[in-house]
Amino acid sequence: MAGIQAYIAKDSPYYARQFIERIFEAAETLEDFPELGRKVPEAEGSDKIRELIFQSYRILYLNQPNHVYILAVIPGSRNLAGMEHKPWAVG
């Protein structure tokens, strides 16, 4: 998230801070509604890997019983299929 904030801050530190706060607010909704996001197509059918779209970003998260783990926040245009190390891969 620091990279996103730094990129936006080049034009406006105020809007960068505000944007990051809004991403956190969007992610906090997952606490009460963990299945709000859609299944991640690149996660090869895993029901536990989901994403919440926020503006032009994908908030990737792992939905576990009683817990939601944010895995990554990436640009929506990024194709995860070709990545060697997926955000949800362990090890």
PDB file of N, CA and C in Angstrom:
ATOM      1  N   MET A   1       0.814  -1.175   0.000  1.00  0.00           N
ATOM      2  CA  MET A   1       0.000   0.000   0.000  1.00  0.00           C
ATOM      3  C   MET A   1       0.870   1.256   0.000  1.00  0.00           C
ATOM      4  N   ALA A   2       2.058   1.140   0.538  1.00  0.00           N
ATOM      5  CA  ALA A   2       2.946   2.299   0.558  1.00  0.00           C
ATOM      6  C   ALA A   2       3.284   2.746  -0.864  1.00  0.00           C
ATOM      7  N   GLY A   3       3.428   1.780  -1.774  1.00  0.00           N
ATOM      8  CA  GLY A   3       3.721   2.118  -3.156  1.00  0.00           C
ATOM      9  C   GLY A   3       2.578   2.861  -3.823  1.00  0.00           C
ATOM     10  N   ILE A   4       1.357   2.440  -3.541  1.00  0.00           N
ATOM     11  CA  ILE A   4       0.185   3.117  -4.087  1.00  0.00           C
ATOM     12  C   ILE A   4       0.113   4.535  -3.551  1.00  0.00           C
ATOM     13  N   GLN A   5       0.311   4.668  -2.238  1.00  0.00           N
ATOM     14  CA  GLN A   5       0.250   5.987  -1.620  1.00  0.00           C
ATOM     15  C   GLN A   5       1.349   6.898  -2.171  1.00  0.00           C
ATOM     16  N   ALA A   6       2.547   6.383  -2.327  1.00  0.00           N
ATOM     17  CA  ALA A   6       3.656   7.188  -2.841  1.00  0.00           C
ATOM     18  C   ALA A   6       3.387   7.646  -4.274  1.00  0.00           C
ATOM     19  N   TYR A   7       2.797   6.767  -5.068  1.00  0.00           N
ATOM     20  CA  TYR A   7       2.497   7.120  -6.453  1.00  0.00           C
ATOM     21  C   TYR A   7       1.474   8.259  -6.518  1.00  0.00           C
ATOM     22  N   ILE A   8       0.402   8.143  -5.751  1.00  0.00           N
ATOM     23  CA  ILE A   8      -0.633   9.185  -5.751  1.00  0.00           C
ATOM     24  C   ILE A   8      -0.106  10.465  -5.116  1.00  0.00           C
ATOM     25  N   ALA A   9       0.751  10.328  -4.115  1.00  0.00           N
ATOM     26  CA  ALA A   9       1.285  11.491  -3.396  1.00  0.00           C
ATOM     27  C   ALA A   9       2.152  12.379  -4.282  1.00  0.00           C
ATOM     28  N   LYS A  10       2.639  11.860  -5.387  1.00  0.00           N
ATOM     29  CA  LYS A  10       3.409  12.705  -6.314  1.00  0.00           C
ATOM     30  C   LYS A  10       2.569  13.885  -6.778  1.00  0.00           C
ATOM     31  N   ASP A  11       1.266  13.654  -6.934  1.00  0.00           N
ATOM     32  CA  ASP A  11       0.351  14.719  -7.342  1.00  0.00           C
ATOM     33  C   ASP A  11      -0.299  15.401  -6.142  1.00  0.00           C
ATOM     34  N   SER A  12      -0.653  14.600  -5.118  1.00  0.00           N
ATOM     35  CA  SER A  12      -1.354  15.171  -3.973  1.00  0.00           C
ATOM     36  C   SER A  12      -1.218  14.279  -2.746  1.00  0.00           C
ATOM     37  N   PRO A  13      -0.398  14.677  -1.774  1.00  0.00           N
ATOM     38  CA  PRO A  13      -0.293  13.890  -0.539  1.00  0.00           C
ATOM     39  C   PRO A  13      -1.639  13.766   0.182  1.00  0.00           C
ATOM     40  N   TYR A  14      -2.440  14.806   0.123  1.00  0.00           N
ATOM     41  CA  TYR A  14      -3.747  14.779   0.781  1.00  0.00           C
ATOM     42  C   TYR A  14      -4.628  13.680   0.175  1.00  0.00           C
ATOM     43  N   TYR A  15      -4.753  13.649  -1.156  1.00  0.00           N
ATOM     44  CA  TYR A  15      -5.592  12.655  -1.805  1.00  0.00           C
ATOM     45  C   TYR A  15      -5.008  11.248  -1.686  1.00  0.00           C
ATOM     46  N   ALA A  16      -3.711  11.143  -1.608  1.00  0.00           N
ATOM     47  CA  ALA A  16      -3.077   9.846  -1.411  1.00  0.00           C
ATOM     48  C   ALA A  16      -3.476   9.259  -0.063  1.00  0.00           C
ATOM     49  N   ARG A  17      -3.399  10.067   0.966  1.00  0.00           N
ATOM     50  CA  ARG A  17      -3.773   9.622   2.310  1.00  0.00           C
ATOM     51  C   ARG A  17      -5.260   9.256   2.353  1.00  0.00           C
ATOM     52  N   GLN A  18      -6.082  10.085   1.725  1.00  0.00           N
ATOM     53  CA  GLN A  18      -7.524   9.844   1.697  1.00  0.00           C
ATOM     54  C   GLN A  18      -7.852   8.550   0.931  1.00  0.00           C
ATOM     55  N   PHE A  19      -7.164   8.315  -0.166  1.00  0.00           N
ATOM     56  CA  PHE A  19      -7.395   7.107  -0.960  1.00  0.00           C
ATOM     57  C   PHE A  19      -7.061   5.855  -0.149  1.00  0.00           C
ATOM     58  N   ILE A  20      -5.935   5.874   0.533  1.00  0.00           N
ATOM     59  CA  ILE A  20      -5.538   4.720   1.353  1.00  0.00           C
ATOM     60  C   ILE A  20      -6.546   4.483   2.470  1.00  0.00           C
ATOM     61  N   GLU A  21      -7.032   5.534   3.088  1.00  0.00           N
ATOM     62  CA  GLU A  21      -8.054   5.391   4.134  1.00  0.00           C
ATOM     63  C   GLU A  21      -9.313   4.735   3.576  1.00  0.00           C
ATOM     64  N   ARG A  22      -9.680   5.091   2.363  1.00  0.00           N
ATOM     65  CA  ARG A  22     -10.872   4.518   1.746  1.00  0.00           C
ATOM     66  C   ARG A  22     -10.664   3.045   1.387  1.00  0.00           C
ATOM     67  N   ILE A  23      -9.454   2.677   1.017  1.00  0.00           N
ATOM     68  CA  ILE A  23      -9.169   1.255   0.772  1.00  0.00           C
ATOM     69  C   ILE A  23      -9.328   0.474   2.074  1.00  0.00           C
ATOM     70  N   PHE A  24      -8.804   1.013   3.171  1.00  0.00           N
ATOM     71  CA  PHE A  24      -8.955   0.351   4.466  1.00  0.00           C
ATOM     72  C   PHE A  24     -10.425   0.227   4.849  1.00  0.00           C
ATOM     73  N   GLU A  25     -11.199   1.264   4.620  1.00  0.00           N
ATOM     74  CA  GLU A  25     -12.627   1.219   4.928  1.00  0.00           C
ATOM     75  C   GLU A  25     -13.325   0.129   4.111  1.00  0.00           C
ATOM     76  N   ALA A  26     -12.983   0.033   2.830  1.00  0.00           N
ATOM     77  CA  ALA A  26     -13.573  -1.008   1.984  1.00  0.00           C
ATOM     78  C   ALA A  26     -13.202  -2.396   2.513  1.00  0.00           C
ATOM     79  N   ALA A  27     -11.948  -2.571   2.889  1.00  0.00           N
ATOM     80  CA  ALA A  27     -11.494  -3.863   3.406  1.00  0.00           C
ATOM     81  C   ALA A  27     -12.164  -4.199   4.744  1.00  0.00           C
ATOM     82  N   GLU A  28     -12.447  -3.194   5.542  1.00  0.00           N
ATOM     83  CA  GLU A  28     -13.092  -3.434   6.834  1.00  0.00           C
ATOM     84  C   GLU A  28     -14.508  -3.978   6.683  1.00  0.00           C
ATOM     85  N   THR A  29     -15.166  -3.722   5.568  1.00  0.00           N
ATOM     86  CA  THR A  29     -16.508  -4.277   5.354  1.00  0.00           C
ATOM     87  C   THR A  29     -16.470  -5.797   5.280  1.00  0.00           C
ATOM     88  N   LEU A  30     -15.315  -6.341   4.946  1.00  0.00           N
ATOM     89  CA  LEU A  30     -15.177  -7.794   4.842  1.00  0.00           C
ATOM     90  C   LEU A  30     -15.298  -8.472   6.207  1.00  0.00           C
ATOM     91  N   GLU A  31     -15.074  -7.725   7.261  1.00  0.00           N
ATOM     92  CA  GLU A  31     -15.206  -8.290   8.612  1.00  0.00           C
ATOM     93  C   GLU A  31     -16.637  -8.801   8.827  1.00  0.00           C
ATOM     94  N   ASP A  32     -17.620  -8.032   8.384  1.00  0.00           N
ATOM     95  CA  ASP A  32     -19.022  -8.417   8.554  1.00  0.00           C
ATOM     96  C   ASP A  32     -19.578  -9.185   7.358  1.00  0.00           C
ATOM     97  N   PHE A  33     -18.996  -8.972   6.193  1.00  0.00           N
ATOM     98  CA  PHE A  33     -19.484  -9.592   4.964  1.00  0.00           C
ATOM     99  C   PHE A  33     -18.329 -10.223   4.184  1.00  0.00           C
ATOM    100  N   PRO A  34     -17.755 -11.322   4.701  1.00  0.00           N
ATOM    101  CA  PRO A  34     -16.557 -11.899   4.084  1.00  0.00           C
ATOM    102  C   PRO A  34     -16.762 -12.456   2.677  1.00  0.00           C
ATOM    103  N   GLU A  35     -17.988 -12.730   2.284  1.00  0.00           N
ATOM    104  CA  GLU A  35     -18.225 -13.251   0.945  1.00  0.00           C
ATOM    105  C   GLU A  35     -18.721 -12.165  -0.006  1.00  0.00           C
ATOM    106  N   LEU A  36     -18.514 -10.920   0.388  1.00  0.00           N
ATOM    107  CA  LEU A  36     -18.923  -9.791  -0.430  1.00  0.00           C
ATOM    108  C   LEU A  36     -18.199  -9.780  -1.775  1.00  0.00           C
ATOM    109  N   GLY A  37     -16.927 -10.082  -1.756  1.00  0.00           N
ATOM    110  CA  GLY A  37     -16.143 -10.079  -2.986  1.00  0.00           C
ATOM    111  C   GLY A  37     -16.372 -11.323  -3.814  1.00  0.00           C
ATOM    112  N   ARG A  38     -15.913 -11.262  -5.050  1.00  0.00           N
ATOM    113  CA  ARG A  38     -16.063 -12.408  -5.944  1.00  0.00           C
ATOM    114  C   ARG A  38     -14.866 -13.342  -5.817  1.00  0.00           C
ATOM    115  N   LYS A  39     -15.031 -14.554  -6.309  1.00  0.00           N
ATOM    116  CA  LYS A  39     -13.918 -15.502  -6.359  1.00  0.00           C
ATOM    117  C   LYS A  39     -12.905 -14.988  -7.376  1.00  0.00           C
ATOM    118  N   VAL A  40     -11.634 -15.162  -7.076  1.00  0.00           N
ATOM    119  CA  VAL A  40     -10.567 -14.710  -7.976  1.00  0.00           C
ATOM    120  C   VAL A  40     -10.408 -15.729  -9.093  1.00  0.00           C
ATOM    121  N   PRO A  41     -10.640 -15.315 -10.339  1.00  0.00           N
ATOM    122  CA  PRO A  41     -10.560 -16.265 -11.456  1.00  0.00           C
ATOM    123  C   PRO A  41      -9.200 -16.963 -11.561  1.00  0.00           C
ATOM    124  N   GLU A  42      -8.126 -16.261 -11.280  1.00  0.00           N
ATOM    125  CA  GLU A  42      -6.782 -16.834 -11.391  1.00  0.00           C
ATOM    126  C   GLU A  42      -6.449 -17.805 -10.261  1.00  0.00           C
ATOM    127  N   ALA A  43      -7.315 -17.907  -9.251  1.00  0.00           N
ATOM    128  CA  ALA A  43      -7.050 -18.793  -8.108  1.00  0.00           C
ATOM    129  C   ALA A  43      -7.505 -20.220  -8.375  1.00  0.00           C
ATOM    130  N   GLU A  44      -7.790 -20.525  -9.627  1.00  0.00           N
ATOM    131  CA  GLU A  44      -8.082 -21.895 -10.065  1.00  0.00           C
ATOM    132  C   GLU A  44      -9.189 -22.562  -9.264  1.00  0.00           C
ATOM    133  N   GLY A  45     -10.306 -21.876  -9.117  1.00  0.00           N
ATOM    134  CA  GLY A  45     -11.483 -22.460  -8.497  1.00  0.00           C
ATOM    135  C   GLY A  45     -11.516 -22.478  -6.983  1.00  0.00           C
ATOM    136  N   SER A  46     -10.558 -21.891  -6.319  1.00  0.00           N
ATOM    137  CA  SER A  46     -10.575 -21.856  -4.864  1.00  0.00           C
ATOM    138  C   SER A  46     -11.663 -20.899  -4.378  1.00  0.00           C
ATOM    139  N   ASP A  47     -12.551 -21.393  -3.544  1.00  0.00           N
ATOM    140  CA  ASP A  47     -13.619 -20.563  -2.996  1.00  0.00           C
ATOM    141  C   ASP A  47     -13.129 -19.628  -1.896  1.00  0.00           C
ATOM    142  N   LYS A  48     -11.974 -19.911  -1.352  1.00  0.00           N
ATOM    143  CA  LYS A  48     -11.465 -19.134  -0.215  1.00  0.00           C
ATOM    144  C   LYS A  48     -10.696 -17.885  -0.637  1.00  0.00           C
ATOM    145  N   ILE A  49     -10.197 -17.868  -1.860  1.00  0.00           N
ATOM    146  CA  ILE A  49      -9.469 -16.703  -2.358  1.00  0.00           C
ATOM    147  C   ILE A  49     -10.476 -15.824  -3.083  1.00  0.00           C
ATOM    148  N   ARG A  50     -10.658 -14.615  -2.570  1.00  0.00           N
ATOM    149  CA  ARG A  50     -11.670 -13.717  -3.120  1.00  0.00           C
ATOM    150  C   ARG A  50     -11.057 -12.346  -3.348  1.00  0.00           C
ATOM    151  N   GLU A  51     -11.810 -11.488  -4.035  1.00  0.00           N
ATOM    152  CA  GLU A  51     -11.333 -10.133  -4.257  1.00  0.00           C
ATOM    153  C   GLU A  51     -12.497  -9.153  -4.169  1.00  0.00           C
ATOM    154  N   LEU A  52     -12.176  -8.006  -3.640  1.00  0.00           N
ATOM    155  CA  LEU A  52     -13.112  -6.894  -3.572  1.00  0.00           C
ATOM    156  C   LEU A  52     -12.543  -5.819  -4.492  1.00  0.00           C
ATOM    157  N   ILE A  53     -13.339  -5.361  -5.423  1.00  0.00           N
ATOM    158  CA  ILE A  53     -12.882  -4.334  -6.349  1.00  0.00           C
ATOM    159  C   ILE A  53     -13.132  -2.973  -5.721  1.00  0.00           C
ATOM    160  N   PHE A  54     -12.092  -2.169  -5.651  1.00  0.00           N
ATOM    161  CA  PHE A  54     -12.201  -0.801  -5.146  1.00  0.00           C
ATOM    162  C   PHE A  54     -11.595   0.132  -6.179  1.00  0.00           C
ATOM    163  N   GLN A  55     -12.455   0.899  -6.816  1.00  0.00           N
ATOM    164  CA  GLN A  55     -12.053   1.768  -7.926  1.00  0.00           C
ATOM    165  C   GLN A  55     -11.276   0.938  -8.938  1.00  0.00           C
ATOM    166  N   SER A  56     -10.032   1.239  -9.185  1.00  0.00           N
ATOM    167  CA  SER A  56      -9.275   0.469 -10.185  1.00  0.00           C
ATOM    168  C   SER A  56      -8.308  -0.522  -9.537  1.00  0.00           C
ATOM    169  N   TYR A  57      -8.574  -0.918  -8.293  1.00  0.00           N
ATOM    170  CA  TYR A  57      -7.694  -1.846  -7.577  1.00  0.00           C
ATOM    171  C   TYR A  57      -8.446  -3.106  -7.158  1.00  0.00           C
ATOM    172  N   ARG A  58      -7.690  -4.166  -7.023  1.00  0.00           N
ATOM    173  CA  ARG A  58      -8.216  -5.443  -6.549  1.00  0.00           C
ATOM    174  C   ARG A  58      -7.671  -5.675  -5.147  1.00  0.00           C
ATOM    175  N   ILE A  59      -8.564  -5.834  -4.183  1.00  0.00           N
ATOM    176  CA  ILE A  59      -8.165  -6.182  -2.820  1.00  0.00           C
ATOM    177  C   ILE A  59      -8.331  -7.697  -2.725  1.00  0.00           C
ATOM    178  N   LEU A  60      -7.218  -8.412  -2.739  1.00  0.00           N
ATOM    179  CA  LEU A  60      -7.242  -9.876  -2.687  1.00  0.00           C
ATOM    180  C   LEU A  60      -7.208 -10.316  -1.230  1.00  0.00           C
ATOM    181  N   TYR A  61      -8.079 -11.274  -0.902  1.00  0.00           N
ATOM    182  CA  TYR A  61      -8.106 -11.733   0.483  1.00  0.00           C
ATOM    183  C   TYR A  61      -8.429 -13.213   0.583  1.00  0.00           C
ATOM    184  N   LEU A  62      -8.051 -13.781   1.709  1.00  0.00           N
ATOM    185  CA  LEU A  62      -8.312 -15.175   2.026  1.00  0.00           C
ATOM    186  C   LEU A  62      -9.441 -15.206   3.039  1.00  0.00           C
ATOM    187  N   ASN A  63     -10.518 -15.881   2.695  1.00  0.00           N
ATOM    188  CA  ASN A  63     -11.681 -15.977   3.574  1.00  0.00           C
ATOM    189  C   ASN A  63     -11.607 -17.293   4.346  1.00  0.00           C
ATOM    190  N   GLN A  64     -11.308 -17.187   5.629  1.00  0.00           N
ATOM    191  CA  GLN A  64     -11.229 -18.340   6.521  1.00  0.00           C
ATOM    192  C   GLN A  64     -12.335 -18.227   7.568  1.00  0.00           C
ATOM    193  N   PRO A  65     -12.739 -19.330   8.170  1.00  0.00           N
ATOM    194  CA  PRO A  65     -13.733 -19.227   9.244  1.00  0.00           C
ATOM    195  C   PRO A  65     -13.231 -18.280  10.345  1.00  0.00           C
ATOM    196  N   ASN A  66     -14.027 -17.289  10.647  1.00  0.00           N
ATOM    197  CA  ASN A  66     -13.747 -16.308  11.703  1.00  0.00           C
ATOM    198  C   ASN A  66     -12.604 -15.340  11.399  1.00  0.00           C
ATOM    199  N   HIS A  67     -12.008 -15.406  10.211  1.00  0.00           N
ATOM    200  CA  HIS A  67     -10.913 -14.502   9.866  1.00  0.00           C
ATOM    201  C   HIS A  67     -10.917 -14.184   8.378  1.00  0.00           C
ATOM    202  N   VAL A  68     -10.527 -12.960   8.062  1.00  0.00           N
ATOM    203  CA  VAL A  68     -10.293 -12.546   6.680  1.00  0.00           C
ATOM    204  C   VAL A  68      -8.886 -11.974   6.641  1.00  0.00           C
ATOM    205  N   TYR A  69      -8.052 -12.498   5.755  1.00  0.00           N
ATOM    206  CA  TYR A  69      -6.671 -12.047   5.639  1.00  0.00           C
ATOM    207  C   TYR A  69      -6.492 -11.314   4.305  1.00  0.00           C
ATOM    208  N   ILE A  70      -6.080 -10.073   4.371  1.00  0.00           N
ATOM    209  CA  ILE A  70      -5.793  -9.319   3.160  1.00  0.00           C
ATOM    210  C   ILE A  70      -4.454  -9.810   2.626  1.00  0.00           C
ATOM    211  N   LEU A  71      -4.444 -10.257   1.396  1.00  0.00           N
ATOM    212  CA  LEU A  71      -3.231 -10.808   0.777  1.00  0.00           C
ATOM    213  C   LEU A  71      -2.468  -9.770  -0.024  1.00  0.00           C
ATOM    214  N   ALA A  72      -3.194  -8.925  -0.742  1.00  0.00           N
ATOM    215  CA  ALA A  72      -2.539  -7.938  -1.598  1.00  0.00           C
ATOM    216  C   ALA A  72      -3.565  -6.922  -2.088  1.00  0.00           C
ATOM    217  N   VAL A  73      -3.070  -5.759  -2.431  1.00  0.00           N
ATOM    218  CA  VAL A  73      -3.859  -4.745  -3.125  1.00  0.00           C
ATOM    219  C   VAL A  73      -3.077  -4.433  -4.391  1.00  0.00           C
ATOM    220  N   ILE A  74      -3.680  -4.752  -5.535  1.00  0.00           N
ATOM    221  CA  ILE A  74      -2.968  -4.618  -6.798  1.00  0.00           C
ATOM    222  C   ILE A  74      -3.820  -3.850  -7.806  1.00  0.00           C
ATOM    223  N   PRO A  75      -3.182  -3.269  -8.812  1.00  0.00           N
ATOM    224  CA  PRO A  75      -3.956  -2.612  -9.872  1.00  0.00           C
ATOM    225  C   PRO A  75      -4.891  -3.614 -10.553  1.00  0.00           C
ATOM    226  N   GLY A  76      -6.083  -3.175 -10.871  1.00  0.00           N
ATOM    227  CA  GLY A  76      -7.067  -4.053 -11.483  1.00  0.00           C
ATOM    228  C   GLY A  76      -6.659  -4.578 -12.842  1.00  0.00           C
ATOM    229  N   SER A  77      -5.768  -3.889 -13.520  1.00  0.00           N
ATOM    230  CA  SER A  77      -5.342  -4.316 -14.852  1.00  0.00           C
ATOM    231  C   SER A  77      -4.271  -5.406 -14.804  1.00  0.00           C
ATOM    232  N   ARG A  78      -3.745  -5.677 -13.623  1.00  0.00           N
ATOM    233  CA  ARG A  78      -2.665  -6.666 -13.508  1.00  0.00           C
ATOM    234  C   ARG A  78      -3.212  -8.078 -13.675  1.00  0.00           C
ATOM    235  N   ASN A  79      -2.591  -8.841 -14.542  1.00  0.00           N
ATOM    236  CA  ASN A  79      -2.993 -10.219 -14.801  1.00  0.00           C
ATOM    237  C   ASN A  79      -2.200 -11.142 -13.882  1.00  0.00           C
ATOM    238  N   LEU A  80      -2.890 -11.798 -12.990  1.00  0.00           N
ATOM    239  CA  LEU A  80      -2.220 -12.687 -12.039  1.00  0.00           C
ATOM    240  C   LEU A  80      -1.897 -14.055 -12.630  1.00  0.00           C
ATOM    241  N   ALA A  81      -2.534 -14.393 -13.741  1.00  0.00           N
ATOM    242  CA  ALA A  81      -2.337 -15.726 -14.323  1.00  0.00           C
ATOM    243  C   ALA A  81      -0.875 -15.988 -14.672  1.00  0.00           C
ATOM    244  N   GLY A  82      -0.164 -14.986 -15.140  1.00  0.00           N
ATOM    245  CA  GLY A  82       1.223 -15.176 -15.547  1.00  0.00           C
ATOM    246  C   GLY A  82       2.252 -14.992 -14.441  1.00  0.00           C
ATOM    247  N   MET A  83       1.798 -14.635 -13.247  1.00  0.00           N
ATOM    248  CA  MET A  83       2.739 -14.432 -12.140  1.00  0.00           C
ATOM    249  C   MET A  83       3.287 -15.765 -11.637  1.00  0.00           C
ATOM    250  N   GLU A  84       4.584 -15.791 -11.412  1.00  0.00           N
ATOM    251  CA  GLU A  84       5.192 -17.005 -10.885  1.00  0.00           C
ATOM    252  C   GLU A  84       4.779 -17.232  -9.428  1.00  0.00           C
ATOM    253  N   HIS A  85       4.781 -16.181  -8.626  1.00  0.00           N
ATOM    254  CA  HIS A  85       4.414 -16.278  -7.209  1.00  0.00           C
ATOM    255  C   HIS A  85       3.104 -15.531  -6.982  1.00  0.00           C
ATOM    256  N   LYS A  86       2.046 -16.280  -6.809  1.00  0.00           N
ATOM    257  CA  LYS A  86       0.729 -15.705  -6.578  1.00  0.00           C
ATOM    258  C   LYS A  86       0.631 -15.182  -5.146  1.00  0.00           C
ATOM    259  N   PRO A  87      -0.139 -14.115  -4.890  1.00  0.00           N
ATOM    260  CA  PRO A  87      -0.256 -13.585  -3.533  1.00  0.00           C
ATOM    261  C   PRO A  87      -0.799 -14.602  -2.523  1.00  0.00           C
ATOM    262  N   TRP A  88      -1.533 -15.593  -2.968  1.00  0.00           N
ATOM    263  CA  TRP A  88      -2.111 -16.579  -2.056  1.00  0.00           C
ATOM    264  C   TRP A  88      -1.250 -17.826  -1.922  1.00  0.00           C
ATOM    265  N   ALA A  89      -0.160 -17.920  -2.668  1.00  0.00           N
ATOM    266  CA  ALA A  89       0.721 -19.092  -2.590  1.00  0.00           C
ATOM    267  C   ALA A  89       1.553 -19.030  -1.314  1.00  0.00           C
ATOM    268  N   VAL A  90       1.656 -20.137  -0.645  1.00  0.00           N
ATOM    269  CA  VAL A  90       2.443 -20.229   0.598  1.00  0.00           C
ATOM    270  C   VAL A  90       3.795 -20.817   0.254  1.00  0.00           C
ATOM    271  N   GLY A  91       4.831 -20.202   0.814  1.00  0.00           N
ATOM    272  CA  GLY A  91       6.170 -20.747   0.634  1.00  0.00           C
ATOM    273  C   GLY A  91       6.856 -20.117  -0.437  1.00  0.00           C
TER     274      GLY A  91
END
